[in-house]
Amino acid sequence: MTRQFLLDMIIGWILYTKEGKNTANNIVNKAVNIAKNNLQKNNVEYLKNNKDTLKQPTMDDKNCLNIN
């Protein structure tokens, strides 16, 4: 019961106060930056910009179905 009350208080602090929103935003931003840095250090392939995989399909592509 005490844990649920404390959790509700923290959620309310984050949702309803400016300081809570700023703190939660900073924590999330730091966590994302740490995750990106760790993935880049481990040479994860999907983080590298590969222009071939980012290309949008067009009607001229051979794999595109012709719908008449």
PDB file of N, CA and C in Angstrom:
ATOM      1  N   MET A   1       0.833  -1.189   0.000  1.00  0.00           N
ATOM      2  CA  MET A   1       0.000   0.000   0.000  1.00  0.00           C
ATOM      3  C   MET A   1       0.875   1.249   0.000  1.00  0.00           C
ATOM      4  N   THR A   2       1.949   1.255   0.747  1.00  0.00           N
ATOM      5  CA  THR A   2       2.830   2.413   0.807  1.00  0.00           C
ATOM      6  C   THR A   2       3.543   2.614  -0.524  1.00  0.00           C
ATOM      7  N   ARG A   3       3.957   1.509  -1.172  1.00  0.00           N
ATOM      8  CA  ARG A   3       4.627   1.628  -2.463  1.00  0.00           C
ATOM      9  C   ARG A   3       3.698   2.226  -3.511  1.00  0.00           C
ATOM     10  N   GLN A   4       2.450   1.804  -3.517  1.00  0.00           N
ATOM     11  CA  GLN A   4       1.494   2.338  -4.488  1.00  0.00           C
ATOM     12  C   GLN A   4       1.271   3.829  -4.259  1.00  0.00           C
ATOM     13  N   PHE A   5       1.189   4.244  -3.003  1.00  0.00           N
ATOM     14  CA  PHE A   5       1.006   5.654  -2.685  1.00  0.00           C
ATOM     15  C   PHE A   5       2.203   6.472  -3.170  1.00  0.00           C
ATOM     16  N   LEU A   6       3.413   5.979  -2.918  1.00  0.00           N
ATOM     17  CA  LEU A   6       4.605   6.703  -3.354  1.00  0.00           C
ATOM     18  C   LEU A   6       4.687   6.764  -4.873  1.00  0.00           C
ATOM     19  N   LEU A   7       4.351   5.682  -5.538  1.00  0.00           N
ATOM     20  CA  LEU A   7       4.341   5.670  -6.997  1.00  0.00           C
ATOM     21  C   LEU A   7       3.331   6.669  -7.540  1.00  0.00           C
ATOM     22  N   ASP A   8       2.143   6.720  -6.947  1.00  0.00           N
ATOM     23  CA  ASP A   8       1.129   7.682  -7.371  1.00  0.00           C
ATOM     24  C   ASP A   8       1.584   9.118  -7.137  1.00  0.00           C
ATOM     25  N   MET A   9       2.283   9.351  -6.042  1.00  0.00           N
ATOM     26  CA  MET A   9       2.801  10.689  -5.755  1.00  0.00           C
ATOM     27  C   MET A   9       3.844  11.108  -6.784  1.00  0.00           C
ATOM     28  N   ILE A  10       4.725  10.196  -7.162  1.00  0.00           N
ATOM     29  CA  ILE A  10       5.754  10.503  -8.155  1.00  0.00           C
ATOM     30  C   ILE A  10       5.114  10.775  -9.514  1.00  0.00           C
ATOM     31  N   ILE A  11       4.152   9.951  -9.897  1.00  0.00           N
ATOM     32  CA  ILE A  11       3.467  10.150 -11.177  1.00  0.00           C
ATOM     33  C   ILE A  11       2.731  11.486 -11.182  1.00  0.00           C
ATOM     34  N   GLY A  12       2.070  11.809 -10.096  1.00  0.00           N
ATOM     35  CA  GLY A  12       1.383  13.096  -9.993  1.00  0.00           C
ATOM     36  C   GLY A  12       2.353  14.258 -10.052  1.00  0.00           C
ATOM     37  N   TRP A  13       3.513  14.123  -9.415  1.00  0.00           N
ATOM     38  CA  TRP A  13       4.526  15.177  -9.443  1.00  0.00           C
ATOM     39  C   TRP A  13       5.025  15.397 -10.865  1.00  0.00           C
ATOM     40  N   ILE A  14       5.233  14.307 -11.609  1.00  0.00           N
ATOM     41  CA  ILE A  14       5.709  14.420 -12.985  1.00  0.00           C
ATOM     42  C   ILE A  14       4.630  15.037 -13.880  1.00  0.00           C
ATOM     43  N   LEU A  15       3.387  14.600 -13.724  1.00  0.00           N
ATOM     44  CA  LEU A  15       2.325  15.054 -14.613  1.00  0.00           C
ATOM     45  C   LEU A  15       1.864  16.482 -14.347  1.00  0.00           C
ATOM     46  N   TYR A  16       1.866  16.912 -13.085  1.00  0.00           N
ATOM     47  CA  TYR A  16       1.202  18.162 -12.741  1.00  0.00           C
ATOM     48  C   TYR A  16       2.131  19.293 -12.329  1.00  0.00           C
ATOM     49  N   THR A  17       3.437  19.085 -12.291  1.00  0.00           N
ATOM     50  CA  THR A  17       4.335  20.187 -11.941  1.00  0.00           C
ATOM     51  C   THR A  17       5.361  20.397 -13.037  1.00  0.00           C
ATOM     52  N   LYS A  18       5.763  21.644 -13.218  1.00  0.00           N
ATOM     53  CA  LYS A  18       6.753  21.981 -14.242  1.00  0.00           C
ATOM     54  C   LYS A  18       8.102  21.359 -13.906  1.00  0.00           C
ATOM     55  N   GLU A  19       8.485  21.369 -12.641  1.00  0.00           N
ATOM     56  CA  GLU A  19       9.763  20.781 -12.226  1.00  0.00           C
ATOM     57  C   GLU A  19       9.790  19.283 -12.475  1.00  0.00           C
ATOM     58  N   GLY A  20       8.666  18.634 -12.242  1.00  0.00           N
ATOM     59  CA  GLY A  20       8.581  17.197 -12.487  1.00  0.00           C
ATOM     60  C   GLY A  20       8.726  16.866 -13.958  1.00  0.00           C
ATOM     61  N   LYS A  21       8.085  17.661 -14.812  1.00  0.00           N
ATOM     62  CA  LYS A  21       8.194  17.436 -16.251  1.00  0.00           C
ATOM     63  C   LYS A  21       9.623  17.664 -16.732  1.00  0.00           C
ATOM     64  N   ASN A  22      10.264  18.720 -16.247  1.00  0.00           N
ATOM     65  CA  ASN A  22      11.647  18.996 -16.646  1.00  0.00           C
ATOM     66  C   ASN A  22      12.593  17.898 -16.170  1.00  0.00           C
ATOM     67  N   THR A  23      12.402  17.426 -14.957  1.00  0.00           N
ATOM     68  CA  THR A  23      13.246  16.364 -14.425  1.00  0.00           C
ATOM     69  C   THR A  23      13.060  15.070 -15.211  1.00  0.00           C
ATOM     70  N   ALA A  24      11.815  14.714 -15.481  1.00  0.00           N
ATOM     71  CA  ALA A  24      11.544  13.497 -16.254  1.00  0.00           C
ATOM     72  C   ALA A  24      12.109  13.625 -17.664  1.00  0.00           C
ATOM     73  N   ASN A  25      12.000  14.790 -18.274  1.00  0.00           N
ATOM     74  CA  ASN A  25      12.534  15.011 -19.608  1.00  0.00           C
ATOM     75  C   ASN A  25      14.058  14.868 -19.611  1.00  0.00           C
ATOM     76  N   ASN A  26      14.715  15.434 -18.603  1.00  0.00           N
ATOM     77  CA  ASN A  26      16.176  15.320 -18.512  1.00  0.00           C
ATOM     78  C   ASN A  26      16.615  13.875 -18.320  1.00  0.00           C
ATOM     79  N   ILE A  27      15.898  13.133 -17.508  1.00  0.00           N
ATOM     80  CA  ILE A  27      16.243  11.728 -17.260  1.00  0.00           C
ATOM     81  C   ILE A  27      16.092  10.918 -18.536  1.00  0.00           C
ATOM     82  N   VAL A  28      14.997  11.142 -19.266  1.00  0.00           N
ATOM     83  CA  VAL A  28      14.781  10.404 -20.510  1.00  0.00           C
ATOM     84  C   VAL A  28      15.848  10.763 -21.540  1.00  0.00           C
ATOM     85  N   ASN A  29      16.169  12.052 -21.664  1.00  0.00           N
ATOM     86  CA  ASN A  29      17.190  12.471 -22.627  1.00  0.00           C
ATOM     87  C   ASN A  29      18.549  11.863 -22.304  1.00  0.00           C
ATOM     88  N   LYS A  30      18.915  11.835 -21.030  1.00  0.00           N
ATOM     89  CA  LYS A  30      20.197  11.235 -20.640  1.00  0.00           C
ATOM     90  C   LYS A  30      20.205   9.737 -20.910  1.00  0.00           C
ATOM     91  N   ALA A  31      19.093   9.066 -20.646  1.00  0.00           N
ATOM     92  CA  ALA A  31      19.018   7.625 -20.897  1.00  0.00           C
ATOM     93  C   ALA A  31      19.135   7.322 -22.387  1.00  0.00           C
ATOM     94  N   VAL A  32      18.491   8.127 -23.221  1.00  0.00           N
ATOM     95  CA  VAL A  32      18.576   7.926 -24.671  1.00  0.00           C
ATOM     96  C   VAL A  32      19.998   8.168 -25.158  1.00  0.00           C
ATOM     97  N   ASN A  33      20.643   9.215 -24.651  1.00  0.00           N
ATOM     98  CA  ASN A  33      22.024   9.497 -25.052  1.00  0.00           C
ATOM     99  C   ASN A  33      22.973   8.383 -24.630  1.00  0.00           C
ATOM    100  N   ILE A  34      22.796   7.853 -23.440  1.00  0.00           N
ATOM    101  CA  ILE A  34      23.634   6.750 -22.970  1.00  0.00           C
ATOM    102  C   ILE A  34      23.419   5.520 -23.846  1.00  0.00           C
ATOM    103  N   ALA A  35      22.165   5.235 -24.180  1.00  0.00           N
ATOM    104  CA  ALA A  35      21.870   4.075 -25.030  1.00  0.00           C
ATOM    105  C   ALA A  35      22.480   4.252 -26.417  1.00  0.00           C
ATOM    106  N   LYS A  36      22.361   5.441 -26.999  1.00  0.00           N
ATOM    107  CA  LYS A  36      22.945   5.692 -28.321  1.00  0.00           C
ATOM    108  C   LYS A  36      24.456   5.527 -28.286  1.00  0.00           C
ATOM    109  N   ASN A  37      25.091   6.090 -27.259  1.00  0.00           N
ATOM    110  CA  ASN A  37      26.552   5.984 -27.153  1.00  0.00           C
ATOM    111  C   ASN A  37      26.994   4.538 -26.998  1.00  0.00           C
ATOM    112  N   ASN A  38      26.284   3.770 -26.188  1.00  0.00           N
ATOM    113  CA  ASN A  38      26.647   2.369 -26.005  1.00  0.00           C
ATOM    114  C   ASN A  38      26.473   1.567 -27.288  1.00  0.00           C
ATOM    115  N   LEU A  39      25.387   1.832 -28.022  1.00  0.00           N
ATOM    116  CA  LEU A  39      25.166   1.117 -29.270  1.00  0.00           C
ATOM    117  C   LEU A  39      26.200   1.504 -30.327  1.00  0.00           C
ATOM    118  N   GLN A  40      26.585   2.767 -30.368  1.00  0.00           N
ATOM    119  CA  GLN A  40      27.592   3.203 -31.328  1.00  0.00           C
ATOM    120  C   GLN A  40      28.961   2.624 -30.986  1.00  0.00           C
ATOM    121  N   LYS A  41      29.273   2.513 -29.712  1.00  0.00           N
ATOM    122  CA  LYS A  41      30.553   1.932 -29.309  1.00  0.00           C
ATOM    123  C   LYS A  41      30.632   0.458 -29.687  1.00  0.00           C
ATOM    124  N   ASN A  42      29.488  -0.203 -29.705  1.00  0.00           N
ATOM    125  CA  ASN A  42      29.458  -1.621 -30.049  1.00  0.00           C
ATOM    126  C   ASN A  42      29.275  -1.859 -31.543  1.00  0.00           C
ATOM    127  N   ASN A  43      29.379  -0.787 -32.343  1.00  0.00           N
ATOM    128  CA  ASN A  43      29.284  -0.861 -33.802  1.00  0.00           C
ATOM    129  C   ASN A  43      28.009  -1.534 -34.282  1.00  0.00           C
ATOM    130  N   VAL A  44      26.894  -1.103 -33.765  1.00  0.00           N
ATOM    131  CA  VAL A  44      25.622  -1.641 -34.203  1.00  0.00           C
ATOM    132  C   VAL A  44      25.325  -1.077 -35.588  1.00  0.00           C
ATOM    133  N   GLU A  45      25.041  -1.950 -36.525  1.00  0.00           N
ATOM    134  CA  GLU A  45      24.922  -1.574 -37.927  1.00  0.00           C
ATOM    135  C   GLU A  45      23.722  -0.672 -38.221  1.00  0.00           C
ATOM    136  N   TYR A  46      22.595  -0.859 -37.548  1.00  0.00           N
ATOM    137  CA  TYR A  46      21.412  -0.096 -37.921  1.00  0.00           C
ATOM    138  C   TYR A  46      21.490   1.360 -37.508  1.00  0.00           C
ATOM    139  N   LEU A  47      22.468   1.753 -36.709  1.00  0.00           N
ATOM    140  CA  LEU A  47      22.620   3.162 -36.366  1.00  0.00           C
ATOM    141  C   LEU A  47      23.389   3.936 -37.432  1.00  0.00           C
ATOM    142  N   LYS A  48      24.107   3.222 -38.278  1.00  0.00           N
ATOM    143  CA  LYS A  48      24.859   3.893 -39.328  1.00  0.00           C
ATOM    144  C   LYS A  48      23.893   4.285 -40.437  1.00  0.00           C
ATOM    145  N   ASN A  49      24.103   5.467 -40.990  1.00  0.00           N
ATOM    146  CA  ASN A  49      23.213   5.942 -42.052  1.00  0.00           C
ATOM    147  C   ASN A  49      23.549   5.242 -43.355  1.00  0.00           C
ATOM    148  N   ASN A  50      22.642   4.420 -43.792  1.00  0.00           N
ATOM    149  CA  ASN A  50      22.788   3.724 -45.054  1.00  0.00           C
ATOM    150  C   ASN A  50      21.717   4.267 -45.988  1.00  0.00           C
ATOM    151  N   LYS A  51      22.138   5.014 -46.993  1.00  0.00           N
ATOM    152  CA  LYS A  51      21.179   5.701 -47.855  1.00  0.00           C
ATOM    153  C   LYS A  51      20.343   4.725 -48.674  1.00  0.00           C
ATOM    154  N   ASP A  52      20.848   3.530 -48.951  1.00  0.00           N
ATOM    155  CA  ASP A  52      20.069   2.571 -49.726  1.00  0.00           C
ATOM    156  C   ASP A  52      18.842   2.091 -48.960  1.00  0.00           C
ATOM    157  N   THR A  53      18.980   1.914 -47.657  1.00  0.00           N
ATOM    158  CA  THR A  53      17.846   1.420 -46.881  1.00  0.00           C
ATOM    159  C   THR A  53      16.864   2.527 -46.555  1.00  0.00           C
ATOM    160  N   LEU A  54      17.307   3.794 -46.634  1.00  0.00           N
ATOM    161  CA  LEU A  54      16.425   4.900 -46.312  1.00  0.00           C
ATOM    162  C   LEU A  54      15.672   5.421 -47.537  1.00  0.00           C
ATOM    163  N   LYS A  55      15.948   4.877 -48.719  1.00  0.00           N
ATOM    164  CA  LYS A  55      15.321   5.344 -49.945  1.00  0.00           C
ATOM    165  C   LYS A  55      13.852   4.936 -49.977  1.00  0.00           C
ATOM    166  N   GLN A  56      13.014   5.885 -50.349  1.00  0.00           N
ATOM    167  CA  GLN A  56      11.588   5.610 -50.459  1.00  0.00           C
ATOM    168  C   GLN A  56      11.312   4.853 -51.750  1.00  0.00           C
ATOM    169  N   PRO A  57      10.416   3.894 -51.752  1.00  0.00           N
ATOM    170  CA  PRO A  57      10.100   3.166 -52.978  1.00  0.00           C
ATOM    171  C   PRO A  57       9.362   4.072 -53.967  1.00  0.00           C
ATOM    172  N   THR A  58       9.624   3.846 -55.235  1.00  0.00           N
ATOM    173  CA  THR A  58       8.951   4.596 -56.285  1.00  0.00           C
ATOM    174  C   THR A  58       8.263   3.619 -57.226  1.00  0.00           C
ATOM    175  N   MET A  59       7.506   4.151 -58.166  1.00  0.00           N
ATOM    176  CA  MET A  59       6.813   3.310 -59.140  1.00  0.00           C
ATOM    177  C   MET A  59       7.780   2.674 -60.121  1.00  0.00           C
ATOM    178  N   ASP A  60       8.993   3.206 -60.244  1.00  0.00           N
ATOM    179  CA  ASP A  60       9.982   2.668 -61.163  1.00  0.00           C
ATOM    180  C   ASP A  60      10.733   1.475 -60.601  1.00  0.00           C
ATOM    181  N   ASP A  61      10.571   1.190 -59.304  1.00  0.00           N
ATOM    182  CA  ASP A  61      11.264   0.063 -58.691  1.00  0.00           C
ATOM    183  C   ASP A  61      10.796  -1.259 -59.299  1.00  0.00           C
ATOM    184  N   LYS A  62      11.706  -2.186 -59.449  1.00  0.00           N
ATOM    185  CA  LYS A  62      11.371  -3.475 -60.039  1.00  0.00           C
ATOM    186  C   LYS A  62      10.472  -4.307 -59.132  1.00  0.00           C
ATOM    187  N   ASN A  63      10.526  -4.082 -57.812  1.00  0.00           N
ATOM    188  CA  ASN A  63       9.731  -4.866 -56.885  1.00  0.00           C
ATOM    189  C   ASN A  63       8.319  -4.322 -56.719  1.00  0.00           C
ATOM    190  N   CYS A  64       8.041  -3.191 -57.347  1.00  0.00           N
ATOM    191  CA  CYS A  64       6.718  -2.570 -57.220  1.00  0.00           C
ATOM    192  C   CYS A  64       5.723  -3.320 -58.098  1.00  0.00           C
ATOM    193  N   LEU A  65       4.560  -3.609 -57.568  1.00  0.00           N
ATOM    194  CA  LEU A  65       3.519  -4.293 -58.328  1.00  0.00           C
ATOM    195  C   LEU A  65       2.827  -3.307 -59.251  1.00  0.00           C
ATOM    196  N   ASN A  66       2.576  -3.716 -60.473  1.00  0.00           N
ATOM    197  CA  ASN A  66       1.838  -2.888 -61.425  1.00  0.00           C
ATOM    198  C   ASN A  66       0.354  -3.115 -61.226  1.00  0.00           C
ATOM    199  N   ILE A  67      -0.336  -2.095 -60.823  1.00  0.00           N
ATOM    200  CA  ILE A  67      -1.788  -2.196 -60.614  1.00  0.00           C
ATOM    201  C   ILE A  67      -2.469  -1.415 -61.714  1.00  0.00           C
ATOM    202  N   ASN A  68      -3.229  -2.081 -62.537  1.00  0.00           N
ATOM    203  CA  ASN A  68      -3.915  -1.421 -63.661  1.00  0.00           C
ATOM    204  C   ASN A  68      -5.387  -1.372 -63.422  1.00  0.00           C
TER     205      ASN A  68
END
